[in-house]
Amino acid sequence: MGVATDTPESSDHGLSDFDLMGLALEEARLAGDQGEVPIGAVVVIDGKVVARRHNEREQSQDPTSHAELLAIRDAAAAVGSWRLENATVVVTLEPCTMCAGLMVNARVGRVVFGARSYENGACGSLYQLGSDPRLNHEFVTIADVRAEECSELLSTYFAGLR
């Protein structure tokens, strides 16, 4: 199981990856408006968006308050199970090792991300936790969906801090 790039097709949830990334980008913009690094995530299960979150590390002063971690936590609560085999997680930035490890442990079925993270990426750029056969679960990874928009949002945010 490797990393595929920007496929225009819809997956089993009916909405296209492009459209779902639009929802994640909305969340990322909310994060930026709140002084957070603009990263957003959505979780879709059986065609329904069950969770939408953005980074909250500054607000909560919790280093684990990454968008995808919060969204997966909400999704598990929404469906009443930690096993999210049918879930697609869509996130604007390639997940870090903590978040990719969570996705392995939550047994997510699919991960879609926008911008690559060459400093921290654990779904293809530095590490490939989602497709490591030594782990107890693997997930499909789709990279580079609306990557330019996702990258631009982050670049603009960080340029404003300088």
N, C-alpha and C. Protein backbone atom coordinates (compact mmCIF):
# COMPACT_ATOMS: atom_id res chain seq x y z
N MET A 1 0.85 -1.17 0.00
CA MET A 1 0.00 0.00 0.00
C MET A 1 0.89 1.23 0.00
N GLY A 2 0.85 2.02 -1.03
CA GLY A 2 1.70 3.19 -1.12
C GLY A 2 0.90 4.47 -1.04
N VAL A 3 1.54 5.54 -1.43
CA VAL A 3 0.92 6.84 -1.43
C VAL A 3 0.56 7.20 -2.85
N ALA A 4 -0.70 7.46 -3.10
CA ALA A 4 -1.15 7.91 -4.41
C ALA A 4 -1.24 9.43 -4.38
N THR A 5 -1.23 10.03 -5.54
CA THR A 5 -1.35 11.47 -5.59
C THR A 5 -2.65 11.88 -6.24
N ASP A 6 -3.17 12.97 -5.76
CA ASP A 6 -4.32 13.71 -6.25
C ASP A 6 -5.20 12.99 -7.27
N THR A 7 -6.01 12.08 -6.81
CA THR A 7 -6.95 11.40 -7.70
C THR A 7 -8.26 12.17 -7.70
N PRO A 8 -8.82 12.46 -8.89
CA PRO A 8 -10.03 13.27 -8.95
C PRO A 8 -11.30 12.50 -8.60
N GLU A 9 -11.19 11.20 -8.45
CA GLU A 9 -12.38 10.39 -8.23
C GLU A 9 -12.99 10.61 -6.85
N SER A 10 -14.25 10.26 -6.77
CA SER A 10 -14.90 10.19 -5.47
C SER A 10 -14.54 8.85 -4.86
N SER A 11 -14.53 8.81 -3.55
CA SER A 11 -14.32 7.51 -2.91
C SER A 11 -15.68 6.98 -2.50
N ASP A 12 -15.70 6.05 -1.59
CA ASP A 12 -16.95 5.40 -1.19
C ASP A 12 -17.91 6.32 -0.44
N HIS A 13 -17.55 7.55 -0.16
CA HIS A 13 -18.40 8.44 0.61
C HIS A 13 -19.26 9.36 -0.24
N GLY A 14 -19.11 9.33 -1.57
CA GLY A 14 -19.96 10.12 -2.43
C GLY A 14 -19.42 11.50 -2.73
N LEU A 15 -18.86 12.18 -1.76
CA LEU A 15 -18.25 13.48 -2.00
C LEU A 15 -16.85 13.26 -2.54
N SER A 16 -16.42 14.15 -3.43
CA SER A 16 -15.07 14.00 -3.97
C SER A 16 -14.04 14.41 -2.92
N ASP A 17 -12.83 13.92 -3.09
CA ASP A 17 -11.75 14.33 -2.20
C ASP A 17 -11.53 15.83 -2.30
N PHE A 18 -11.70 16.39 -3.49
CA PHE A 18 -11.58 17.83 -3.71
C PHE A 18 -12.57 18.59 -2.83
N ASP A 19 -13.83 18.14 -2.84
CA ASP A 19 -14.87 18.80 -2.04
C ASP A 19 -14.61 18.65 -0.54
N LEU A 20 -14.20 17.45 -0.13
CA LEU A 20 -13.91 17.23 1.29
C LEU A 20 -12.74 18.09 1.74
N MET A 21 -11.74 18.26 0.87
CA MET A 21 -10.62 19.13 1.23
C MET A 21 -11.11 20.57 1.38
N GLY A 22 -12.12 20.95 0.64
CA GLY A 22 -12.70 22.28 0.81
C GLY A 22 -13.24 22.47 2.22
N LEU A 23 -13.86 21.44 2.77
CA LEU A 23 -14.35 21.51 4.17
C LEU A 23 -13.17 21.61 5.13
N ALA A 24 -12.12 20.84 4.87
CA ALA A 24 -10.93 20.90 5.73
C ALA A 24 -10.28 22.28 5.65
N LEU A 25 -10.27 22.87 4.46
CA LEU A 25 -9.72 24.22 4.30
C LEU A 25 -10.54 25.25 5.07
N GLU A 26 -11.86 25.08 5.11
CA GLU A 26 -12.71 25.98 5.92
C GLU A 26 -12.28 25.91 7.38
N GLU A 27 -12.06 24.70 7.87
CA GLU A 27 -11.61 24.52 9.25
C GLU A 27 -10.24 25.16 9.46
N ALA A 28 -9.36 24.99 8.49
CA ALA A 28 -8.01 25.56 8.60
C ALA A 28 -8.09 27.08 8.69
N ARG A 29 -8.95 27.69 7.90
CA ARG A 29 -9.11 29.15 7.95
C ARG A 29 -9.62 29.60 9.31
N LEU A 30 -10.53 28.83 9.89
CA LEU A 30 -11.01 29.15 11.25
C LEU A 30 -9.86 29.12 12.24
N ALA A 31 -9.00 28.12 12.11
CA ALA A 31 -7.84 28.03 13.00
C ALA A 31 -6.97 29.27 12.86
N GLY A 32 -6.67 29.66 11.63
CA GLY A 32 -5.85 30.84 11.40
C GLY A 32 -6.47 32.10 11.98
N ASP A 33 -7.79 32.23 11.84
CA ASP A 33 -8.50 33.38 12.41
C ASP A 33 -8.39 33.43 13.93
N GLN A 34 -8.17 32.27 14.54
CA GLN A 34 -8.07 32.18 16.00
C GLN A 34 -6.61 32.17 16.49
N GLY A 35 -5.67 32.47 15.59
CA GLY A 35 -4.27 32.51 15.97
C GLY A 35 -3.60 31.15 16.05
N GLU A 36 -4.23 30.16 15.47
CA GLU A 36 -3.67 28.80 15.44
C GLU A 36 -3.03 28.57 14.08
N VAL A 37 -2.10 27.63 14.02
CA VAL A 37 -1.57 27.22 12.72
C VAL A 37 -2.75 26.69 11.91
N PRO A 38 -2.95 27.20 10.68
CA PRO A 38 -4.16 26.86 9.92
C PRO A 38 -4.14 25.46 9.31
N ILE A 39 -4.52 24.51 10.13
CA ILE A 39 -4.66 23.13 9.67
C ILE A 39 -6.07 22.68 10.05
N GLY A 40 -6.76 22.06 9.10
CA GLY A 40 -8.11 21.58 9.35
C GLY A 40 -8.25 20.13 8.93
N ALA A 41 -9.22 19.47 9.54
CA ALA A 41 -9.46 18.05 9.24
C ALA A 41 -10.95 17.75 9.30
N VAL A 42 -11.36 16.80 8.48
CA VAL A 42 -12.72 16.27 8.53
C VAL A 42 -12.64 14.76 8.52
N VAL A 43 -13.63 14.12 9.11
CA VAL A 43 -13.73 12.66 9.07
C VAL A 43 -15.08 12.30 8.47
N VAL A 44 -15.05 11.42 7.49
CA VAL A 44 -16.25 10.97 6.80
C VAL A 44 -16.40 9.47 7.01
N ILE A 45 -17.60 9.06 7.39
CA ILE A 45 -17.90 7.64 7.56
C ILE A 45 -19.22 7.36 6.86
N ASP A 46 -19.21 6.39 5.98
CA ASP A 46 -20.42 5.98 5.24
C ASP A 46 -21.14 7.17 4.60
N GLY A 47 -20.37 8.04 3.97
CA GLY A 47 -20.95 9.16 3.24
C GLY A 47 -21.34 10.36 4.07
N LYS A 48 -21.09 10.32 5.35
CA LYS A 48 -21.50 11.41 6.23
C LYS A 48 -20.29 12.01 6.94
N VAL A 49 -20.21 13.34 6.92
CA VAL A 49 -19.16 14.01 7.68
C VAL A 49 -19.56 13.91 9.15
N VAL A 50 -18.75 13.20 9.93
CA VAL A 50 -19.07 12.98 11.34
C VAL A 50 -18.25 13.87 12.27
N ALA A 51 -17.20 14.50 11.73
CA ALA A 51 -16.38 15.37 12.57
C ALA A 51 -15.63 16.38 11.70
N ARG A 52 -15.51 17.59 12.21
CA ARG A 52 -14.74 18.67 11.58
C ARG A 52 -14.01 19.40 12.68
N ARG A 53 -12.71 19.53 12.56
CA ARG A 53 -11.94 20.24 13.59
C ARG A 53 -10.75 20.95 12.98
N HIS A 54 -10.16 21.81 13.77
CA HIS A 54 -8.94 22.50 13.38
C HIS A 54 -7.98 22.52 14.56
N ASN A 55 -6.74 22.93 14.29
CA ASN A 55 -5.75 22.99 15.35
C ASN A 55 -6.23 23.86 16.50
N GLU A 56 -5.92 23.42 17.72
CA GLU A 56 -6.28 24.18 18.93
C GLU A 56 -5.14 24.18 19.94
N ARG A 57 -3.91 24.02 19.48
CA ARG A 57 -2.79 23.93 20.42
C ARG A 57 -2.58 25.20 21.22
N GLU A 58 -2.65 26.35 20.59
CA GLU A 58 -2.44 27.61 21.30
C GLU A 58 -3.57 27.87 22.30
N GLN A 59 -4.77 27.68 21.85
CA GLN A 59 -5.95 27.91 22.69
C GLN A 59 -5.95 26.99 23.91
N SER A 60 -5.64 25.72 23.70
CA SER A 60 -5.71 24.75 24.79
C SER A 60 -4.39 24.59 25.53
N GLN A 61 -3.32 25.07 24.94
CA GLN A 61 -1.97 24.84 25.45
C GLN A 61 -1.70 23.35 25.65
N ASP A 62 -2.24 22.58 24.72
CA ASP A 62 -2.09 21.12 24.71
C ASP A 62 -1.37 20.73 23.43
N PRO A 63 -0.19 20.17 23.52
CA PRO A 63 0.56 19.83 22.31
C PRO A 63 -0.09 18.75 21.45
N THR A 64 -1.07 18.05 21.98
CA THR A 64 -1.74 17.01 21.20
C THR A 64 -2.97 17.53 20.47
N SER A 65 -3.29 18.79 20.57
CA SER A 65 -4.52 19.33 19.97
C SER A 65 -4.35 19.62 18.48
N HIS A 66 -3.92 18.61 17.75
CA HIS A 66 -3.82 18.70 16.29
C HIS A 66 -5.22 18.47 15.70
N ALA A 67 -5.47 19.07 14.55
CA ALA A 67 -6.78 18.99 13.91
C ALA A 67 -7.25 17.56 13.72
N GLU A 68 -6.37 16.71 13.19
CA GLU A 68 -6.81 15.34 12.90
C GLU A 68 -7.02 14.53 14.16
N LEU A 69 -6.25 14.75 15.19
CA LEU A 69 -6.45 14.04 16.45
C LEU A 69 -7.80 14.42 17.05
N LEU A 70 -8.11 15.70 17.06
CA LEU A 70 -9.40 16.15 17.61
C LEU A 70 -10.57 15.62 16.78
N ALA A 71 -10.41 15.62 15.47
CA ALA A 71 -11.48 15.13 14.59
C ALA A 71 -11.69 13.63 14.77
N ILE A 72 -10.61 12.88 14.89
CA ILE A 72 -10.75 11.43 15.08
C ILE A 72 -11.39 11.14 16.44
N ARG A 73 -11.02 11.88 17.44
CA ARG A 73 -11.62 11.72 18.76
C ARG A 73 -13.14 11.97 18.68
N ASP A 74 -13.53 13.04 18.00
CA ASP A 74 -14.95 13.36 17.83
C ASP A 74 -15.67 12.29 17.01
N ALA A 75 -15.01 11.79 15.97
CA ALA A 75 -15.63 10.75 15.12
C ALA A 75 -15.87 9.48 15.92
N ALA A 76 -14.90 9.08 16.73
CA ALA A 76 -15.07 7.88 17.55
C ALA A 76 -16.24 8.05 18.51
N ALA A 77 -16.36 9.23 19.09
CA ALA A 77 -17.48 9.50 19.99
C ALA A 77 -18.81 9.47 19.23
N ALA A 78 -18.81 10.01 18.02
CA ALA A 78 -20.04 10.07 17.22
C ALA A 78 -20.55 8.69 16.83
N VAL A 79 -19.63 7.76 16.54
CA VAL A 79 -20.05 6.43 16.12
C VAL A 79 -20.02 5.41 17.26
N GLY A 80 -19.50 5.81 18.40
CA GLY A 80 -19.48 4.92 19.55
C GLY A 80 -18.47 3.79 19.47
N SER A 81 -17.38 4.02 18.75
CA SER A 81 -16.34 2.99 18.64
C SER A 81 -15.01 3.64 18.31
N TRP A 82 -13.95 3.08 18.86
CA TRP A 82 -12.61 3.56 18.53
C TRP A 82 -12.13 3.00 17.20
N ARG A 83 -12.78 1.96 16.72
CA ARG A 83 -12.42 1.35 15.44
C ARG A 83 -13.10 2.12 14.30
N LEU A 84 -12.30 2.76 13.49
CA LEU A 84 -12.84 3.61 12.43
C LEU A 84 -12.45 3.08 11.04
N GLU A 85 -12.64 1.77 10.84
CA GLU A 85 -12.23 1.12 9.60
C GLU A 85 -12.84 1.75 8.35
N ASN A 86 -14.05 2.26 8.46
CA ASN A 86 -14.74 2.84 7.31
C ASN A 86 -14.52 4.34 7.19
N ALA A 87 -13.65 4.89 8.00
CA ALA A 87 -13.46 6.34 8.02
C ALA A 87 -12.43 6.80 6.99
N THR A 88 -12.71 7.95 6.41
CA THR A 88 -11.74 8.69 5.62
C THR A 88 -11.42 9.95 6.40
N VAL A 89 -10.15 10.17 6.66
CA VAL A 89 -9.69 11.39 7.33
C VAL A 89 -9.08 12.28 6.26
N VAL A 90 -9.58 13.51 6.16
CA VAL A 90 -9.09 14.48 5.19
C VAL A 90 -8.46 15.62 5.97
N VAL A 91 -7.20 15.93 5.69
CA VAL A 91 -6.46 16.94 6.45
C VAL A 91 -5.62 17.79 5.50
N THR A 92 -5.52 19.07 5.81
CA THR A 92 -4.85 20.00 4.91
C THR A 92 -3.34 19.85 4.87
N LEU A 93 -2.74 19.28 5.91
CA LEU A 93 -1.29 19.06 5.95
C LEU A 93 -1.02 17.60 6.26
N GLU A 94 -0.03 17.05 5.62
CA GLU A 94 0.36 15.66 5.86
C GLU A 94 0.51 15.39 7.36
N PRO A 95 -0.12 14.36 7.86
CA PRO A 95 -0.05 14.05 9.29
C PRO A 95 1.37 13.80 9.79
N CYS A 96 1.60 14.21 11.03
CA CYS A 96 2.86 13.96 11.71
C CYS A 96 2.86 12.53 12.26
N THR A 97 3.95 12.15 12.91
CA THR A 97 4.04 10.78 13.43
C THR A 97 2.97 10.51 14.49
N MET A 98 2.68 11.50 15.34
CA MET A 98 1.66 11.30 16.37
C MET A 98 0.30 11.02 15.72
N CYS A 99 -0.06 11.85 14.75
CA CYS A 99 -1.37 11.70 14.12
C CYS A 99 -1.46 10.47 13.23
N ALA A 100 -0.40 10.18 12.50
CA ALA A 100 -0.40 8.97 11.67
C ALA A 100 -0.45 7.73 12.55
N GLY A 101 0.26 7.76 13.68
CA GLY A 101 0.19 6.64 14.63
C GLY A 101 -1.22 6.47 15.17
N LEU A 102 -1.89 7.58 15.45
CA LEU A 102 -3.28 7.51 15.90
C LEU A 102 -4.15 6.87 14.82
N MET A 103 -3.91 7.23 13.57
CA MET A 103 -4.71 6.69 12.48
C MET A 103 -4.50 5.18 12.34
N VAL A 104 -3.28 4.73 12.57
CA VAL A 104 -3.03 3.29 12.59
C VAL A 104 -3.81 2.66 13.74
N ASN A 105 -3.70 3.23 14.92
CA ASN A 105 -4.36 2.67 16.11
C ASN A 105 -5.88 2.75 16.04
N ALA A 106 -6.41 3.77 15.36
CA ALA A 106 -7.86 3.89 15.20
C ALA A 106 -8.38 3.07 14.03
N ARG A 107 -7.46 2.46 13.30
CA ARG A 107 -7.79 1.59 12.16
C ARG A 107 -8.53 2.33 11.04
N VAL A 108 -8.19 3.62 10.83
CA VAL A 108 -8.87 4.35 9.75
C VAL A 108 -8.61 3.66 8.43
N GLY A 109 -9.57 3.81 7.53
CA GLY A 109 -9.46 3.13 6.25
C GLY A 109 -8.69 3.91 5.20
N ARG A 110 -8.74 5.24 5.32
CA ARG A 110 -8.21 6.07 4.23
C ARG A 110 -7.82 7.42 4.79
N VAL A 111 -6.71 7.97 4.28
CA VAL A 111 -6.26 9.31 4.65
C VAL A 111 -6.00 10.10 3.38
N VAL A 112 -6.53 11.30 3.34
CA VAL A 112 -6.34 12.21 2.21
C VAL A 112 -5.71 13.47 2.78
N PHE A 113 -4.59 13.90 2.18
CA PHE A 113 -4.02 15.16 2.67
C PHE A 113 -3.66 16.08 1.52
N GLY A 114 -3.50 17.36 1.87
CA GLY A 114 -3.19 18.39 0.89
C GLY A 114 -1.70 18.60 0.75
N ALA A 115 -1.16 19.50 1.57
CA ALA A 115 0.26 19.86 1.49
C ALA A 115 1.12 18.79 2.13
N ARG A 116 2.27 18.57 1.54
CA ARG A 116 3.24 17.65 2.13
C ARG A 116 4.03 18.38 3.22
N SER A 117 4.47 17.61 4.20
CA SER A 117 5.30 18.15 5.28
C SER A 117 6.64 17.43 5.24
N TYR A 118 7.61 18.08 4.62
CA TYR A 118 8.93 17.47 4.48
C TYR A 118 9.70 17.49 5.79
N GLU A 119 9.23 18.26 6.76
CA GLU A 119 9.87 18.32 8.08
C GLU A 119 9.31 17.27 9.04
N ASN A 120 8.00 16.98 8.94
CA ASN A 120 7.32 16.13 9.91
C ASN A 120 6.43 15.05 9.31
N GLY A 121 6.31 14.98 8.02
CA GLY A 121 5.32 14.12 7.39
C GLY A 121 5.53 12.64 7.61
N ALA A 122 4.48 11.98 8.06
CA ALA A 122 4.57 10.55 8.36
C ALA A 122 3.66 9.71 7.46
N CYS A 123 3.19 10.30 6.36
CA CYS A 123 2.36 9.56 5.42
C CYS A 123 2.94 9.62 4.01
N GLY A 124 4.27 9.63 3.93
CA GLY A 124 4.91 9.59 2.63
C GLY A 124 6.15 10.45 2.49
N SER A 125 6.22 11.59 3.15
CA SER A 125 7.36 12.47 2.96
C SER A 125 8.60 12.02 3.72
N LEU A 126 8.49 11.81 5.02
CA LEU A 126 9.60 11.30 5.83
C LEU A 126 9.41 9.83 6.18
N TYR A 127 8.23 9.53 6.61
CA TYR A 127 7.87 8.16 7.03
C TYR A 127 6.62 7.75 6.27
N GLN A 128 6.34 6.45 6.29
CA GLN A 128 5.11 5.93 5.66
C GLN A 128 4.40 5.01 6.65
N LEU A 129 3.95 5.62 7.75
CA LEU A 129 3.32 4.81 8.79
C LEU A 129 2.05 4.12 8.31
N GLY A 130 1.35 4.72 7.38
CA GLY A 130 0.11 4.12 6.89
C GLY A 130 0.31 2.91 6.02
N SER A 131 1.53 2.70 5.55
CA SER A 131 1.78 1.55 4.69
C SER A 131 2.99 0.75 5.15
N ASP A 132 3.19 0.71 6.44
CA ASP A 132 4.30 -0.06 7.00
C ASP A 132 3.77 -1.43 7.43
N PRO A 133 4.16 -2.49 6.74
CA PRO A 133 3.62 -3.82 7.04
C PRO A 133 4.02 -4.35 8.41
N ARG A 134 4.97 -3.70 9.06
CA ARG A 134 5.37 -4.13 10.41
C ARG A 134 4.35 -3.70 11.46
N LEU A 135 3.49 -2.76 11.11
CA LEU A 135 2.47 -2.31 12.05
C LEU A 135 1.21 -3.17 11.91
N ASN A 136 0.31 -3.05 12.87
CA ASN A 136 -0.86 -3.93 12.88
C ASN A 136 -2.01 -3.47 11.99
N HIS A 137 -1.82 -2.34 11.29
CA HIS A 137 -2.87 -1.85 10.40
C HIS A 137 -2.23 -0.98 9.34
N GLU A 138 -2.78 -1.00 8.15
CA GLU A 138 -2.35 -0.12 7.07
C GLU A 138 -3.58 0.60 6.52
N PHE A 139 -3.37 1.82 6.01
CA PHE A 139 -4.47 2.56 5.40
C PHE A 139 -4.04 3.13 4.05
N VAL A 140 -5.02 3.35 3.21
CA VAL A 140 -4.79 3.97 1.91
C VAL A 140 -4.48 5.44 2.14
N THR A 141 -3.49 5.96 1.42
CA THR A 141 -3.14 7.36 1.54
C THR A 141 -3.21 8.02 0.17
N ILE A 142 -3.92 9.14 0.10
CA ILE A 142 -4.01 9.95 -1.11
C ILE A 142 -3.38 11.30 -0.77
N ALA A 143 -2.35 11.67 -1.52
CA ALA A 143 -1.61 12.91 -1.26
C ALA A 143 -1.90 13.98 -2.30
N ASP A 144 -1.59 15.22 -1.93
CA ASP A 144 -1.57 16.35 -2.86
C ASP A 144 -2.93 16.82 -3.35
N VAL A 145 -3.98 16.57 -2.61
CA VAL A 145 -5.30 17.06 -2.99
C VAL A 145 -5.39 18.53 -2.59
N ARG A 146 -5.54 19.39 -3.58
CA ARG A 146 -5.58 20.85 -3.38
C ARG A 146 -4.33 21.32 -2.64
N ALA A 147 -3.22 20.68 -2.95
CA ALA A 147 -1.95 20.95 -2.25
C ALA A 147 -1.54 22.41 -2.34
N GLU A 148 -1.73 23.01 -3.48
CA GLU A 148 -1.32 24.41 -3.64
C GLU A 148 -2.10 25.33 -2.70
N GLU A 149 -3.41 25.14 -2.61
CA GLU A 149 -4.23 25.95 -1.70
C GLU A 149 -3.83 25.74 -0.24
N CYS A 150 -3.60 24.49 0.10
CA CYS A 150 -3.22 24.16 1.48
C CYS A 150 -1.86 24.77 1.82
N SER A 151 -0.91 24.66 0.91
CA SER A 151 0.42 25.22 1.13
C SER A 151 0.37 26.73 1.23
N GLU A 152 -0.40 27.36 0.35
CA GLU A 152 -0.51 28.82 0.35
C GLU A 152 -1.10 29.34 1.66
N LEU A 153 -2.08 28.66 2.18
CA LEU A 153 -2.69 29.06 3.45
C LEU A 153 -1.64 29.04 4.57
N LEU A 154 -0.85 28.00 4.61
CA LEU A 154 0.21 27.89 5.62
C LEU A 154 1.29 28.95 5.41
N SER A 155 1.72 29.13 4.17
CA SER A 155 2.77 30.12 3.86
C SER A 155 2.33 31.53 4.23
N THR A 156 1.10 31.86 3.92
CA THR A 156 0.58 33.19 4.23
C THR A 156 0.52 33.39 5.74
N TYR A 157 0.10 32.39 6.46
CA TYR A 157 0.04 32.47 7.92
C TYR A 157 1.42 32.72 8.52
N PHE A 158 2.38 31.92 8.10
CA PHE A 158 3.74 32.03 8.68
C PHE A 158 4.43 33.32 8.25
N ALA A 159 4.14 33.80 7.02
CA ALA A 159 4.70 35.07 6.58
C ALA A 159 4.19 36.21 7.46
N GLY A 160 2.95 36.12 7.89
CA GLY A 160 2.36 37.13 8.76
C GLY A 160 2.98 37.16 10.15
N LEU A 161 3.61 36.08 10.56
CA LEU A 161 4.25 36.03 11.88
C LEU A 161 5.64 36.67 11.86
N ARG A 162 6.21 36.80 10.69
CA ARG A 162 7.58 37.33 10.58
C ARG A 162 7.60 38.83 10.63
